[in-house]
Protein backbone atom coordinates (compact mmCIF):
# COMPACT_ATOMS: atom_id res chain seq x y z
CA UNK A 1 -55.42 20.38 8.01
CA UNK A 2 -53.53 19.91 4.69
CA UNK A 3 -49.87 18.85 5.08
CA UNK A 4 -48.83 21.95 3.06
CA UNK A 5 -50.36 24.17 5.78
CA UNK A 6 -47.99 22.83 8.47
CA UNK A 7 -44.88 24.31 6.94
CA UNK A 8 -46.57 27.39 5.66
CA UNK A 9 -45.12 30.77 6.90
CA UNK A 10 -43.02 29.12 9.57
CA UNK A 11 -39.37 28.94 10.46
CA UNK A 12 -39.17 25.42 11.95
CA UNK A 13 -36.21 24.39 13.90
CA UNK A 14 -34.78 20.93 14.50
CA UNK A 15 -36.12 20.99 18.04
CA UNK A 16 -39.33 19.10 17.89
CA UNK A 17 -41.41 19.14 21.05
CA UNK A 18 -43.80 16.20 21.32
CA UNK A 19 -46.93 16.78 23.43
CA UNK A 20 -48.50 13.92 25.41
CA UNK A 21 -52.21 13.40 24.71
CA UNK A 22 -54.37 11.36 27.02
CA UNK A 23 -54.00 7.62 26.82
CA UNK A 24 -50.24 7.73 26.14
CA UNK A 25 -50.64 9.07 22.60
CA UNK A 26 -48.39 11.82 21.41
CA UNK A 27 -49.79 14.71 19.43
CA UNK A 28 -48.18 16.12 16.35
CA UNK A 29 -44.77 17.67 17.14
CA UNK A 30 -44.85 21.39 18.09
CA UNK A 31 -42.79 23.53 15.68
CA UNK A 32 -41.57 27.04 16.29
CA UNK A 33 -44.81 28.57 15.04
CA UNK A 34 -46.88 26.47 17.43
CA UNK A 35 -44.64 27.55 20.29
CA UNK A 36 -45.02 31.18 19.30
CA UNK A 37 -48.83 30.80 19.23
CA UNK A 38 -48.77 29.05 22.71
CA UNK A 39 -46.49 31.75 24.11
CA UNK A 40 -48.79 34.51 22.94
CA UNK A 41 -51.88 32.61 24.29
CA UNK A 42 -50.28 31.89 27.58
CA UNK A 43 -49.55 35.67 27.99
CA UNK A 44 -53.10 36.68 26.94
CA UNK A 45 -55.74 33.98 26.31
CA UNK A 46 -58.06 36.62 24.87
CA UNK A 47 -55.78 37.45 21.92
CA UNK A 48 -57.69 37.46 18.67
CA UNK A 49 -56.74 35.17 15.76
CA UNK A 50 -55.89 38.23 13.81
CA UNK A 51 -53.49 39.51 16.39
CA UNK A 52 -52.02 36.07 16.84
CA UNK A 53 -51.34 35.85 13.12
CA UNK A 54 -49.66 39.32 13.13
CA UNK A 55 -47.52 38.48 16.23
CA UNK A 56 -46.41 35.06 14.77
CA UNK A 57 -46.03 36.26 11.15
CA UNK A 58 -48.45 33.80 9.68
CA UNK A 59 -51.80 34.10 7.80
CA UNK A 60 -54.99 34.35 9.76
CA UNK A 61 -56.22 31.06 8.23
CA UNK A 62 -52.99 29.31 9.27
CA UNK A 63 -53.35 30.75 12.82
CA UNK A 64 -56.92 29.64 13.05
CA UNK A 65 -56.10 26.12 11.76
CA UNK A 66 -53.14 25.77 14.08
CA UNK A 67 -55.06 26.94 17.23
CA UNK A 68 -57.95 24.67 16.22
CA UNK A 69 -55.51 21.72 15.96
CA UNK A 70 -53.86 22.58 19.30
CA UNK A 71 -57.28 22.55 20.95
CA UNK A 72 -58.35 19.34 19.18
CA UNK A 73 -55.12 17.58 20.05
CA UNK A 74 -55.54 18.50 23.74
CA UNK A 75 -52.43 20.80 23.74
CA UNK A 76 -54.68 23.74 24.65
CA UNK A 77 -57.12 22.65 27.26
CA UNK A 78 -58.93 25.92 27.88
CA UNK A 79 -58.78 29.66 28.20
CA UNK A 80 -58.87 31.08 31.74
CA UNK A 81 -58.81 34.30 33.71
CA UNK A 82 -55.91 34.51 36.12
CA UNK A 83 -57.14 35.58 39.53
CA UNK A 84 -54.87 37.07 42.15
CA UNK A 85 -55.69 35.23 45.30
CA UNK A 86 -55.20 37.91 47.92
CA UNK A 87 -57.31 40.63 46.34
CA UNK A 88 -59.97 37.89 45.73
CA UNK A 89 -60.10 37.17 49.52
CA UNK A 90 -57.76 34.14 49.64
CA UNK A 91 -54.95 35.55 51.80
CA UNK A 92 -53.41 32.23 52.99
CA UNK A 93 -51.68 30.01 50.43
CA UNK A 94 -49.91 26.74 51.21
CA UNK A 95 -48.57 23.53 49.81
CA UNK A 96 -49.84 20.40 51.52
CA UNK A 97 -48.04 17.06 50.94
CA UNK A 98 -49.99 13.90 51.54
CA UNK A 99 -48.77 10.44 52.23
CA UNK A 100 -51.44 8.01 51.08
CA UNK A 101 -52.03 4.26 51.03
CA UNK A 102 -50.23 2.66 48.03
CA UNK A 103 -53.31 1.88 46.02
CA UNK A 104 -55.46 4.87 47.02
CA UNK A 105 -54.51 7.54 44.46
CA UNK A 106 -57.75 7.38 42.42
CA UNK A 107 -60.01 7.50 45.44
CA UNK A 108 -57.97 10.20 47.10
CA UNK A 109 -57.80 12.26 43.94
CA UNK A 110 -61.58 12.03 43.37
CA UNK A 111 -62.26 13.29 46.92
CA UNK A 112 -59.49 15.86 47.04
CA UNK A 113 -60.79 17.31 43.73
CA UNK A 114 -64.02 18.15 45.62
CA UNK A 115 -62.38 19.95 48.57
CA UNK A 116 -62.91 23.70 48.45
CA UNK A 117 -59.74 25.77 48.16
CA UNK A 118 -57.63 23.06 46.53
CA UNK A 119 -56.32 24.77 43.42
CA UNK A 120 -54.02 22.08 42.06
CA UNK A 121 -52.81 18.60 43.10
CA UNK A 122 -50.26 16.18 41.66
CA UNK A 123 -49.18 12.65 42.21
CA UNK A 124 -45.48 12.53 42.94
CA UNK A 125 -42.49 10.18 43.14
CA UNK A 126 -40.38 10.58 46.19
CA UNK A 127 -40.88 11.15 49.87
CA UNK A 128 -44.49 12.34 49.52
CA UNK A 129 -47.23 10.96 47.36
CA UNK A 130 -49.31 13.94 46.61
CA UNK A 131 -48.63 17.69 46.64
CA UNK A 132 -51.62 20.13 46.69
CA UNK A 133 -51.69 23.90 46.29
CA UNK A 134 -54.43 25.35 48.47
CA UNK A 135 -55.64 28.97 48.80
CA UNK A 136 -57.86 29.79 51.74
CA UNK A 137 -59.23 32.99 53.22
CA UNK A 138 -57.13 32.78 56.37
CA UNK A 139 -55.18 30.48 58.75
CA UNK A 140 -58.27 29.24 60.46
CA UNK A 141 -59.78 28.11 57.20
CA UNK A 142 -56.45 26.47 56.28
CA UNK A 143 -56.34 24.68 59.62
CA UNK A 144 -59.97 23.39 59.07
CA UNK A 145 -59.16 22.33 55.56
CA UNK A 146 -56.10 20.31 56.57
CA UNK A 147 -57.24 18.80 59.90
CA UNK A 148 -60.84 18.08 58.95
CA UNK A 149 -61.21 17.79 55.29
CA UNK A 150 -57.87 16.59 53.83
CA UNK A 151 -56.92 14.33 56.77
CA UNK A 152 -60.53 12.99 56.71
CA UNK A 153 -60.16 11.52 53.26
CA UNK A 154 -59.97 7.74 53.33
CA UNK A 155 -56.55 6.63 52.13
CA UNK A 156 -54.68 9.71 53.54
CA UNK A 157 -52.10 8.48 56.10
CA UNK A 158 -50.44 11.88 56.96
CA UNK A 159 -50.08 15.39 55.80
CA UNK A 160 -47.40 18.16 55.95
CA UNK A 161 -48.13 21.76 55.33
CA UNK A 162 -45.88 24.65 54.06
CA UNK A 163 -47.19 28.21 54.19
CA UNK A 164 -46.33 30.32 51.13
CA UNK A 165 -44.94 33.74 52.09
CA UNK A 166 -44.41 35.03 48.51
CA UNK A 167 -44.68 33.65 45.03
CA UNK A 168 -44.17 34.61 41.47
CA UNK A 169 -44.44 33.29 37.92
CA UNK A 170 -41.38 32.68 35.85
CA UNK A 171 -40.55 35.40 33.25
CA UNK A 172 -40.15 32.93 30.40
CA UNK A 173 -42.98 30.78 29.19
CA UNK A 174 -42.19 27.09 28.45
CA UNK A 175 -43.31 27.80 24.96
CA UNK A 176 -41.04 30.84 24.33
CA UNK A 177 -38.97 30.42 21.22
């Protein structure tokens, strides 16, 4: 991308958001146009480049180049369908915290990644080491998942489970301008 394209058709602010790229590198700072593009794509990942350009008030070539750069820099990691768990047959959702051996994160993560119904997991600082979001068909499946699969992973010392009664997404995207 030419340097002139970065400022083309945008109303940049002084608030520069740096995005971490794998390996401790930081991608090019996100400006207001990048944030508007991300906001539109988070709301609807199927939005065409033409529509993105119209909504963000930039040229199609600029929108295409910016989206391509955001993908290349690892800011955009994919385009996904959002599936509602309950209508899809996953009526029981829970957070499971794991306490693990101090040096076991990589091994636990590799095995936890393969456990069916684990939607997301994160390494934490604090009282618990790992927090996993799971979505199972019912309480019996959740019980089996926790007691047999998760607690059976080498390096897992203990677990704690919180059932999710209701949930929602925030109204404002982190990328909203």
